[in-house]
Amino acid sequence: MTLELLRIDDRLIHGQVVVGWGQPREIGFFVLVDDAIAAAEWEQELYRMGTPPEMAIEFVTVAQAVERLPHYQADPRVGMLLTGDIETMDRLTLAAPTLRQVTIGGVHMKPGRVQRMRFVFLSPDEEARLQAMAARGLTVVAQDVPSAPVTPLDEVLRGDGTT
């Protein structure tokens, strides 16, 4: 197996990720990529509490994720890599060009963002980063839950917030 899913979700690990994605896909490990959380034991403990014991979790910086990527890809278990924002995923995919697909799972409302889908709100900078990722050859899609249709980036960016 390998990394089954690279997901951007500002809530990182939560019930929808564990139950909706993790259990049906038989995720054996999560890699949470966040420079600040990788240094915050108390925050890591909060995410561990929401993760079942059969699903391992590792907290790493972007640099550590790039360094350990061959290990994650060779792991016999199914894995999911998560970032809490587009900027972190952009930095990661720039440094690790073997990564091929990114799923936007939840980027919620903040000042300066415009609603593109029911679960995707983007700033102009975030839109530009996603377009740059796609221009580098990554497939960028949006999908909040496994049963929902996959929406390609061009449709996300044209979105009026109703889907």
Protein backbone atom coordinates (compact mmCIF):
# COMPACT_ATOMS: atom_id res chain seq x y z
CA MET A 1 0.00 0.00 0.00
CA THR A 2 0.98 3.63 0.14
CA LEU A 3 -0.42 7.02 0.93
CA GLU A 4 -4.04 6.61 -0.09
CA LEU A 5 -5.02 10.24 0.27
CA LEU A 6 -3.40 13.67 0.61
CA ARG A 7 -6.04 15.89 2.16
CA ILE A 8 -6.31 19.59 3.01
CA ASP A 9 -8.71 20.05 5.91
CA ASP A 10 -8.48 22.94 8.34
CA ARG A 11 -9.96 20.72 11.07
CA LEU A 12 -7.20 18.15 10.43
CA ILE A 13 -8.18 14.92 12.19
CA HIS A 14 -11.83 14.82 13.26
CA GLY A 15 -14.76 12.40 13.11
CA GLN A 16 -15.41 12.77 9.37
CA VAL A 17 -11.77 11.98 8.60
CA VAL A 18 -11.56 9.02 11.01
CA VAL A 19 -14.99 7.48 10.42
CA GLY A 20 -15.89 8.73 6.95
CA TRP A 21 -12.52 8.25 5.29
CA GLY A 22 -10.34 6.24 7.66
CA GLN A 23 -12.55 3.27 8.40
CA PRO A 24 -13.88 2.56 4.87
CA ARG A 25 -10.40 2.89 3.37
CA GLU A 26 -8.85 0.89 6.21
CA ILE A 27 -6.38 3.65 7.03
CA GLY A 28 -3.56 2.29 9.17
CA PHE A 29 -1.72 5.55 9.73
CA PHE A 30 -2.15 9.30 9.54
CA VAL A 31 0.63 11.77 8.87
CA LEU A 32 -0.35 15.21 10.16
CA VAL A 33 1.94 17.78 8.54
CA ASP A 34 2.03 21.03 10.46
CA ASP A 35 5.17 22.82 11.62
CA ALA A 36 3.54 24.25 14.77
CA ILE A 37 1.69 21.09 15.86
CA ALA A 38 4.83 19.02 15.33
CA ALA A 39 6.34 21.04 18.20
CA ALA A 40 3.26 21.12 20.48
CA GLU A 41 2.84 17.99 22.62
CA TRP A 42 -0.43 19.17 24.17
CA GLU A 43 -1.98 19.73 20.73
CA GLN A 44 -0.76 16.33 19.53
CA GLU A 45 -2.47 14.74 22.52
CA LEU A 46 -5.80 16.29 21.48
CA TYR A 47 -5.53 14.70 18.03
CA ARG A 48 -4.45 11.36 19.50
CA MET A 49 -7.64 11.32 21.62
CA GLY A 50 -9.73 11.48 18.44
CA THR A 51 -7.85 8.71 16.68
CA PRO A 52 -8.66 5.02 17.32
CA PRO A 53 -5.74 2.93 18.62
CA GLU A 54 -5.61 0.84 15.42
CA MET A 55 -4.81 4.00 13.43
CA ALA A 56 -1.30 5.29 14.11
CA ILE A 57 -0.62 9.01 13.91
CA GLU A 58 2.62 10.87 13.29
CA PHE A 59 3.13 14.61 13.68
CA VAL A 60 5.78 16.09 11.40
CA THR A 61 7.00 19.34 9.92
CA VAL A 62 7.00 19.87 6.16
CA ALA A 63 10.75 19.14 6.07
CA GLN A 64 10.31 15.92 8.06
CA ALA A 65 7.43 14.82 5.81
CA VAL A 66 9.57 15.28 2.71
CA GLU A 67 12.42 13.35 4.32
CA ARG A 68 10.14 10.49 5.44
CA LEU A 69 8.03 10.31 2.29
CA PRO A 70 9.78 7.18 0.93
CA HIS A 71 9.06 5.47 4.26
CA TYR A 72 5.37 6.43 4.12
CA GLN A 73 5.07 5.28 0.52
CA ALA A 74 6.72 1.95 1.32
CA ASP A 75 4.61 1.29 4.43
CA PRO A 76 2.44 -1.81 3.91
CA ARG A 77 -0.47 -0.08 5.67
CA VAL A 78 -2.78 2.40 3.96
CA GLY A 79 -1.92 5.96 4.94
CA MET A 80 -3.45 9.41 4.81
CA LEU A 81 -1.44 12.63 4.87
CA LEU A 82 -3.21 15.76 6.13
CA THR A 83 -2.41 19.45 6.15
CA GLY A 84 -4.55 22.12 7.73
CA ASP A 85 -4.06 24.66 4.99
CA ILE A 86 -3.30 25.09 1.31
CA GLU A 87 0.02 26.86 1.93
CA THR A 88 1.42 23.85 3.82
CA MET A 89 0.28 21.41 1.12
CA ASP A 90 1.79 23.68 -1.53
CA ARG A 91 5.14 23.73 0.30
CA LEU A 92 5.03 19.96 0.70
CA THR A 93 4.18 19.20 -2.93
CA LEU A 94 6.83 21.65 -4.15
CA ALA A 95 9.46 19.78 -2.14
CA ALA A 96 8.07 16.32 -2.98
CA PRO A 97 7.25 16.24 -6.70
CA THR A 98 6.33 12.52 -6.60
CA LEU A 99 3.03 13.42 -4.93
CA ARG A 100 0.36 13.40 -7.63
CA GLN A 101 -3.11 14.18 -6.22
CA VAL A 102 -4.45 16.47 -3.52
CA THR A 103 -8.00 16.50 -2.17
CA ILE A 104 -9.52 19.62 -0.67
CA GLY A 105 -11.66 18.34 2.16
CA GLY A 106 -12.59 21.38 4.15
CA VAL A 107 -11.39 24.96 3.94
CA HIS A 108 -13.87 26.97 5.94
CA MET A 109 -14.89 30.63 6.15
CA LYS A 110 -12.36 33.26 7.23
CA PRO A 111 -12.13 36.95 6.39
CA GLY A 112 -10.92 37.45 2.83
CA ARG A 113 -12.26 34.12 1.56
CA VAL A 114 -15.05 33.60 -0.97
CA GLN A 115 -17.31 30.56 -0.88
CA ARG A 116 -16.66 28.23 -3.83
CA MET A 117 -18.44 25.12 -2.56
CA ARG A 118 -20.44 24.33 0.54
CA PHE A 119 -17.21 23.27 2.29
CA VAL A 120 -14.60 25.30 0.39
CA PHE A 121 -13.91 29.00 0.96
CA LEU A 122 -10.81 30.43 -0.73
CA SER A 123 -8.80 33.64 -0.71
CA PRO A 124 -7.22 34.88 -3.95
CA ASP A 125 -3.80 33.71 -2.68
CA GLU A 126 -5.17 30.23 -1.93
CA GLU A 127 -6.75 30.03 -5.38
CA ALA A 128 -3.41 31.00 -6.94
CA ARG A 129 -1.58 28.35 -4.90
CA LEU A 130 -4.05 25.66 -5.97
CA GLN A 131 -3.70 26.72 -9.61
CA ALA A 132 0.10 26.62 -9.28
CA MET A 133 -0.13 23.09 -7.84
CA ALA A 134 -2.26 22.03 -10.81
CA ALA A 135 0.17 23.72 -13.23
CA ARG A 136 2.95 21.57 -11.72
CA GLY A 137 1.01 18.47 -12.74
CA LEU A 138 -0.88 17.69 -9.55
CA THR A 139 -4.49 16.65 -9.79
CA VAL A 140 -6.37 18.91 -7.38
CA VAL A 141 -9.94 17.98 -6.51
CA ALA A 142 -12.50 18.70 -3.80
CA GLN A 143 -14.46 16.02 -1.96
CA ASP A 144 -15.76 16.33 1.57
CA VAL A 145 -16.88 12.71 2.11
CA PRO A 146 -16.17 9.51 0.14
CA SER A 147 -19.78 9.21 -1.04
CA ALA A 148 -19.76 12.73 -2.55
CA PRO A 149 -18.77 13.34 -6.15
CA VAL A 150 -15.20 14.43 -6.86
CA THR A 151 -15.08 18.02 -8.11
CA PRO A 152 -12.10 19.05 -10.28
CA LEU A 153 -10.27 22.27 -9.38
CA ASP A 154 -11.55 24.23 -12.38
CA GLU A 155 -15.13 23.55 -11.27
CA VAL A 156 -14.28 24.46 -7.67
CA LEU A 157 -12.87 27.82 -8.78
CA ARG A 158 -15.96 28.52 -10.92
CA GLY A 159 -18.19 27.50 -8.03
CA ASP A 160 -20.86 29.76 -6.69
CA GLY A 161 -20.97 28.07 -3.30
CA THR A 162 -24.10 26.01 -3.91
CA THR A 163 -22.45 22.62 -4.43
